[in-house]
N, C-alpha and C. Protein backbone atom coordinates (compact mmCIF):
# COMPACT_ATOMS: atom_id res chain seq x y z
N MET A 1 27.46 185.03 -9.84
CA MET A 1 26.68 185.79 -8.89
C MET A 1 25.91 184.85 -7.97
N ASN A 2 25.42 183.77 -8.55
CA ASN A 2 24.68 182.80 -7.75
C ASN A 2 25.59 182.17 -6.69
N GLU A 3 26.87 181.98 -7.05
CA GLU A 3 27.82 181.40 -6.11
C GLU A 3 28.00 182.31 -4.90
N LEU A 4 28.08 183.62 -5.11
CA LEU A 4 28.19 184.57 -4.00
C LEU A 4 26.94 184.55 -3.13
N TYR A 5 25.81 184.51 -3.76
CA TYR A 5 24.54 184.47 -3.03
C TYR A 5 24.48 183.22 -2.15
N GLN A 6 24.87 182.09 -2.71
CA GLN A 6 24.87 180.84 -1.96
C GLN A 6 25.85 180.90 -0.79
N PHE A 7 27.02 181.54 -0.98
CA PHE A 7 28.01 181.66 0.08
C PHE A 7 27.47 182.52 1.22
N ILE A 8 26.78 183.60 0.89
CA ILE A 8 26.28 184.52 1.91
C ILE A 8 25.06 183.95 2.63
N THR A 9 24.15 183.37 1.89
CA THR A 9 22.88 182.94 2.48
C THR A 9 22.78 181.43 2.74
N GLY A 10 23.62 180.64 2.08
CA GLY A 10 23.51 179.18 2.19
C GLY A 10 24.12 178.64 3.47
N SER A 11 23.80 177.38 3.75
CA SER A 11 24.35 176.73 4.94
C SER A 11 24.74 175.30 4.61
N ASN A 12 25.62 174.74 5.43
CA ASN A 12 26.05 173.37 5.21
C ASN A 12 25.04 172.39 5.83
N ASN A 13 25.37 171.10 5.82
CA ASN A 13 24.44 170.07 6.34
C ASN A 13 24.18 170.21 7.83
N ALA A 14 25.11 170.83 8.56
CA ALA A 14 24.93 171.02 10.00
C ALA A 14 24.11 172.27 10.31
N GLY A 15 23.76 173.03 9.26
CA GLY A 15 22.96 174.24 9.45
C GLY A 15 23.78 175.49 9.69
N VAL A 16 25.10 175.41 9.57
CA VAL A 16 25.97 176.57 9.76
C VAL A 16 26.12 177.29 8.43
N ARG A 17 25.84 178.59 8.46
CA ARG A 17 25.98 179.35 7.22
C ARG A 17 27.44 179.43 6.81
N TYR A 18 27.67 179.38 5.50
CA TYR A 18 29.04 179.42 4.97
C TYR A 18 29.75 180.71 5.37
N LEU A 19 29.07 181.83 5.37
CA LEU A 19 29.67 183.10 5.73
C LEU A 19 30.06 183.09 7.20
N ASP A 20 29.20 182.60 8.07
CA ASP A 20 29.54 182.51 9.50
C ASP A 20 30.76 181.62 9.71
N GLN A 21 30.82 180.54 8.99
CA GLN A 21 31.95 179.61 9.08
C GLN A 21 33.24 180.31 8.66
N ALA A 22 33.18 181.09 7.57
CA ALA A 22 34.36 181.80 7.08
C ALA A 22 34.79 182.88 8.07
N LEU A 23 33.85 183.60 8.65
CA LEU A 23 34.18 184.68 9.58
C LEU A 23 34.73 184.15 10.90
N SER A 24 34.45 182.92 11.22
CA SER A 24 34.96 182.36 12.48
C SER A 24 36.41 181.89 12.34
N ASP A 25 36.91 181.78 11.11
CA ASP A 25 38.30 181.39 10.88
C ASP A 25 39.14 182.67 10.76
N PRO A 26 40.13 182.88 11.66
CA PRO A 26 40.91 184.12 11.65
C PRO A 26 41.65 184.37 10.32
N ASN A 27 42.23 183.32 9.73
CA ASN A 27 42.95 183.51 8.47
C ASN A 27 42.01 183.97 7.36
N THR A 28 40.86 183.35 7.26
CA THR A 28 39.89 183.74 6.23
C THR A 28 39.38 185.15 6.50
N LEU A 29 39.16 185.49 7.76
CA LEU A 29 38.68 186.82 8.12
C LEU A 29 39.69 187.89 7.70
N VAL A 30 40.97 187.65 7.94
CA VAL A 30 42.01 188.61 7.56
C VAL A 30 42.10 188.73 6.04
N ARG A 31 42.05 187.60 5.35
CA ARG A 31 42.10 187.63 3.88
C ARG A 31 40.91 188.40 3.31
N MET A 32 39.73 188.19 3.87
CA MET A 32 38.54 188.91 3.39
C MET A 32 38.67 190.41 3.64
N ALA A 33 39.18 190.77 4.81
CA ALA A 33 39.34 192.19 5.14
C ALA A 33 40.38 192.83 4.22
N TRP A 34 41.51 192.14 4.01
CA TRP A 34 42.55 192.68 3.12
C TRP A 34 42.01 192.89 1.72
N PHE A 35 41.29 191.88 1.22
CA PHE A 35 40.74 191.99 -0.12
C PHE A 35 39.71 193.11 -0.20
N ALA A 36 38.90 193.28 0.84
CA ALA A 36 37.90 194.35 0.85
C ALA A 36 38.57 195.72 0.81
N LEU A 37 39.72 195.84 1.48
CA LEU A 37 40.40 197.13 1.53
C LEU A 37 41.30 197.39 0.32
N LYS A 38 42.02 196.38 -0.15
CA LYS A 38 43.04 196.61 -1.16
C LYS A 38 42.87 195.78 -2.43
N GLY A 39 41.97 194.88 -2.45
CA GLY A 39 41.84 193.95 -3.57
C GLY A 39 41.61 194.62 -4.92
N GLU A 40 40.70 195.57 -4.96
CA GLU A 40 40.38 196.23 -6.24
C GLU A 40 41.59 197.00 -6.77
N ASP A 41 42.31 197.71 -5.87
CA ASP A 41 43.50 198.46 -6.30
C ASP A 41 44.58 197.52 -6.83
N ILE A 42 44.79 196.41 -6.14
CA ILE A 42 45.82 195.46 -6.56
C ILE A 42 45.46 194.85 -7.92
N ILE A 43 44.23 194.46 -8.11
CA ILE A 43 43.80 193.88 -9.39
C ILE A 43 43.95 194.90 -10.51
N ASN A 44 43.57 196.15 -10.26
CA ASN A 44 43.73 197.20 -11.28
C ASN A 44 45.21 197.43 -11.59
N SER A 45 46.05 197.41 -10.56
CA SER A 45 47.48 197.61 -10.76
C SER A 45 48.07 196.48 -11.61
N ILE A 46 47.71 195.26 -11.33
CA ILE A 46 48.19 194.12 -12.12
C ILE A 46 47.69 194.23 -13.56
N SER A 47 46.44 194.58 -13.72
CA SER A 47 45.86 194.73 -15.06
C SER A 47 46.59 195.82 -15.84
N ASP A 48 46.85 196.96 -15.21
CA ASP A 48 47.56 198.06 -15.88
C ASP A 48 48.97 197.64 -16.28
N TYR A 49 49.65 196.90 -15.39
CA TYR A 49 51.00 196.44 -15.69
C TYR A 49 51.01 195.56 -16.94
N TYR A 50 50.11 194.60 -17.01
CA TYR A 50 50.10 193.70 -18.17
C TYR A 50 49.67 194.42 -19.45
N LYS A 51 48.75 195.37 -19.34
CA LYS A 51 48.38 196.17 -20.51
C LYS A 51 49.60 196.93 -21.03
N SER A 52 50.38 197.49 -20.10
CA SER A 52 51.59 198.23 -20.47
C SER A 52 52.61 197.32 -21.14
N GLU A 53 52.81 196.13 -20.59
CA GLU A 53 53.76 195.18 -21.17
C GLU A 53 53.31 194.73 -22.56
N ILE A 54 52.02 194.51 -22.73
CA ILE A 54 51.49 194.11 -24.04
C ILE A 54 51.69 195.23 -25.05
N THR A 55 51.44 196.47 -24.63
CA THR A 55 51.63 197.61 -25.52
C THR A 55 53.10 197.74 -25.93
N LYS A 56 54.03 197.58 -24.97
CA LYS A 56 55.46 197.65 -25.29
C LYS A 56 55.85 196.56 -26.30
N ALA A 57 55.38 195.35 -26.06
CA ALA A 57 55.71 194.24 -26.96
C ALA A 57 55.13 194.47 -28.34
N HIS A 58 53.93 195.01 -28.40
CA HIS A 58 53.29 195.30 -29.69
C HIS A 58 54.09 196.35 -30.46
N ARG A 59 54.47 197.41 -29.76
CA ARG A 59 55.24 198.48 -30.42
C ARG A 59 56.58 197.95 -30.91
N ALA A 60 57.24 197.13 -30.09
CA ALA A 60 58.53 196.57 -30.50
C ALA A 60 58.35 195.68 -31.73
N GLY A 61 57.28 194.91 -31.77
CA GLY A 61 57.01 194.06 -32.93
C GLY A 61 56.72 194.86 -34.17
N VAL A 62 55.99 195.95 -34.02
CA VAL A 62 55.69 196.82 -35.16
C VAL A 62 56.97 197.43 -35.71
N GLU A 63 57.83 197.93 -34.81
CA GLU A 63 59.09 198.53 -35.25
C GLU A 63 59.98 197.50 -35.94
N GLU A 64 60.03 196.30 -35.40
CA GLU A 64 60.84 195.25 -36.02
C GLU A 64 60.29 194.90 -37.40
N GLY A 65 58.98 194.84 -37.50
CA GLY A 65 58.35 194.56 -38.79
C GLY A 65 58.63 195.65 -39.80
N LYS A 66 58.64 196.89 -39.36
CA LYS A 66 58.94 198.00 -40.28
C LYS A 66 60.37 197.92 -40.78
N LYS A 67 61.28 197.55 -39.89
CA LYS A 67 62.68 197.43 -40.30
C LYS A 67 62.86 196.32 -41.32
N LYS A 68 62.20 195.20 -41.11
CA LYS A 68 62.32 194.09 -42.03
C LYS A 68 61.65 194.38 -43.37
N ALA A 69 60.58 195.15 -43.32
CA ALA A 69 59.82 195.43 -44.54
C ALA A 69 60.34 196.64 -45.30
N ALA A 70 61.27 197.38 -44.73
CA ALA A 70 61.78 198.58 -45.40
C ALA A 70 62.45 198.17 -46.71
N PRO A 71 62.09 198.84 -47.80
CA PRO A 71 62.69 198.47 -49.09
C PRO A 71 64.18 198.79 -49.10
N LYS A 72 64.93 197.86 -49.59
CA LYS A 72 66.37 198.06 -49.70
C LYS A 72 66.64 198.90 -50.94
N GLU A 73 67.78 199.54 -50.94
CA GLU A 73 68.12 200.37 -52.09
C GLU A 73 68.17 199.50 -53.33
N GLN A 74 67.43 199.91 -54.32
CA GLN A 74 67.40 199.14 -55.56
C GLN A 74 68.30 199.81 -56.58
N LYS A 75 69.06 199.00 -57.26
CA LYS A 75 69.93 199.53 -58.30
C LYS A 75 69.09 199.90 -59.50
N VAL A 76 69.39 201.04 -60.05
CA VAL A 76 68.65 201.50 -61.21
C VAL A 76 69.22 200.79 -62.42
N LYS A 77 68.36 200.09 -63.11
CA LYS A 77 68.80 199.38 -64.31
C LYS A 77 68.82 200.34 -65.49
N GLU A 78 69.85 200.18 -66.28
CA GLU A 78 69.88 200.96 -67.50
C GLU A 78 68.97 200.26 -68.50
N GLU A 79 68.17 201.04 -69.13
CA GLU A 79 67.27 200.44 -70.11
C GLU A 79 68.05 200.03 -71.34
N SER A 80 67.79 198.84 -71.75
CA SER A 80 68.42 198.40 -72.99
C SER A 80 67.35 198.36 -74.06
N LYS A 81 67.71 198.88 -75.17
CA LYS A 81 66.75 198.92 -76.27
C LYS A 81 67.25 198.02 -77.38
N VAL A 82 66.39 197.19 -77.85
CA VAL A 82 66.72 196.29 -78.95
C VAL A 82 65.88 196.70 -80.13
N VAL A 83 66.55 196.98 -81.21
CA VAL A 83 65.84 197.36 -82.42
C VAL A 83 66.04 196.27 -83.45
N VAL A 84 64.95 195.76 -83.95
CA VAL A 84 65.01 194.71 -84.97
C VAL A 84 64.45 195.31 -86.25
N LYS A 85 65.29 195.33 -87.26
CA LYS A 85 64.84 195.87 -88.54
C LYS A 85 64.41 194.70 -89.41
N LYS A 86 63.30 194.89 -90.00
CA LYS A 86 62.78 193.86 -90.89
C LYS A 86 63.58 193.88 -92.19
N LYS A 87 64.05 192.69 -92.55
CA LYS A 87 64.81 192.59 -93.80
C LYS A 87 63.84 192.47 -94.96
N GLU A 88 64.19 193.16 -95.98
CA GLU A 88 63.39 193.05 -97.21
C GLU A 88 63.81 191.77 -97.93
N PRO A 89 62.85 191.01 -98.38
CA PRO A 89 63.23 189.81 -99.15
C PRO A 89 64.01 190.21 -100.39
N GLU A 90 65.02 189.40 -100.71
CA GLU A 90 65.86 189.71 -101.87
C GLU A 90 65.04 189.70 -103.15
N ASN A 91 64.20 188.79 -103.19
CA ASN A 91 63.38 188.77 -104.38
C ASN A 91 61.93 188.62 -103.91
N ARG A 92 61.06 189.35 -104.51
CA ARG A 92 59.68 189.43 -104.06
C ARG A 92 58.97 188.07 -104.14
N GLU A 93 59.47 187.22 -104.95
CA GLU A 93 58.83 185.92 -105.07
C GLU A 93 59.04 185.09 -103.80
N LYS A 94 60.13 185.39 -103.09
CA LYS A 94 60.40 184.65 -101.87
C LYS A 94 59.67 185.34 -100.71
N ALA A 95 58.41 185.05 -100.51
CA ALA A 95 57.60 185.68 -99.49
C ALA A 95 57.70 184.93 -98.16
N ARG A 96 58.25 183.78 -98.22
CA ARG A 96 58.38 182.99 -97.00
C ARG A 96 59.51 183.57 -96.14
N ILE A 97 59.20 183.77 -94.83
CA ILE A 97 60.19 184.32 -93.91
C ILE A 97 60.71 183.19 -93.05
N ASP A 98 62.00 183.11 -92.98
CA ASP A 98 62.64 182.10 -92.17
C ASP A 98 63.05 182.72 -90.85
N ILE A 99 63.16 181.92 -89.80
CA ILE A 99 63.54 182.42 -88.49
C ILE A 99 64.92 183.08 -88.54
N SER A 100 65.80 182.60 -89.37
CA SER A 100 67.13 183.19 -89.49
C SER A 100 67.07 184.60 -90.08
N ASP A 101 65.97 184.92 -90.79
CA ASP A 101 65.83 186.27 -91.33
C ASP A 101 65.55 187.27 -90.21
N ILE A 102 64.92 186.80 -89.16
CA ILE A 102 64.54 187.70 -88.06
C ILE A 102 65.69 187.83 -87.07
N TRP A 103 66.32 186.75 -86.80
CA TRP A 103 67.38 186.76 -85.79
C TRP A 103 68.68 186.89 -86.45
């Protein structure tokens, strides 16, 4: 904001105000007039375009992510049941269990 204030009210070393200097140049005068008339609309249009492109890219990324993350069909495993029966020792005096008795 200070830069605009300096441009409007400030002057160079020769005492010529910056705004007067700009208005005396035909190219600068036309650019200022064009921007005054159409600048805001053009900036809004550009901003809307990029917002739209960002939204499209975001949606495409979300859809791609959903496709990659979709669970694939999983095969249903049949449950296998293992039953281990405890063997009775042949003689009660033999209380020690060996691994071969279990397996």
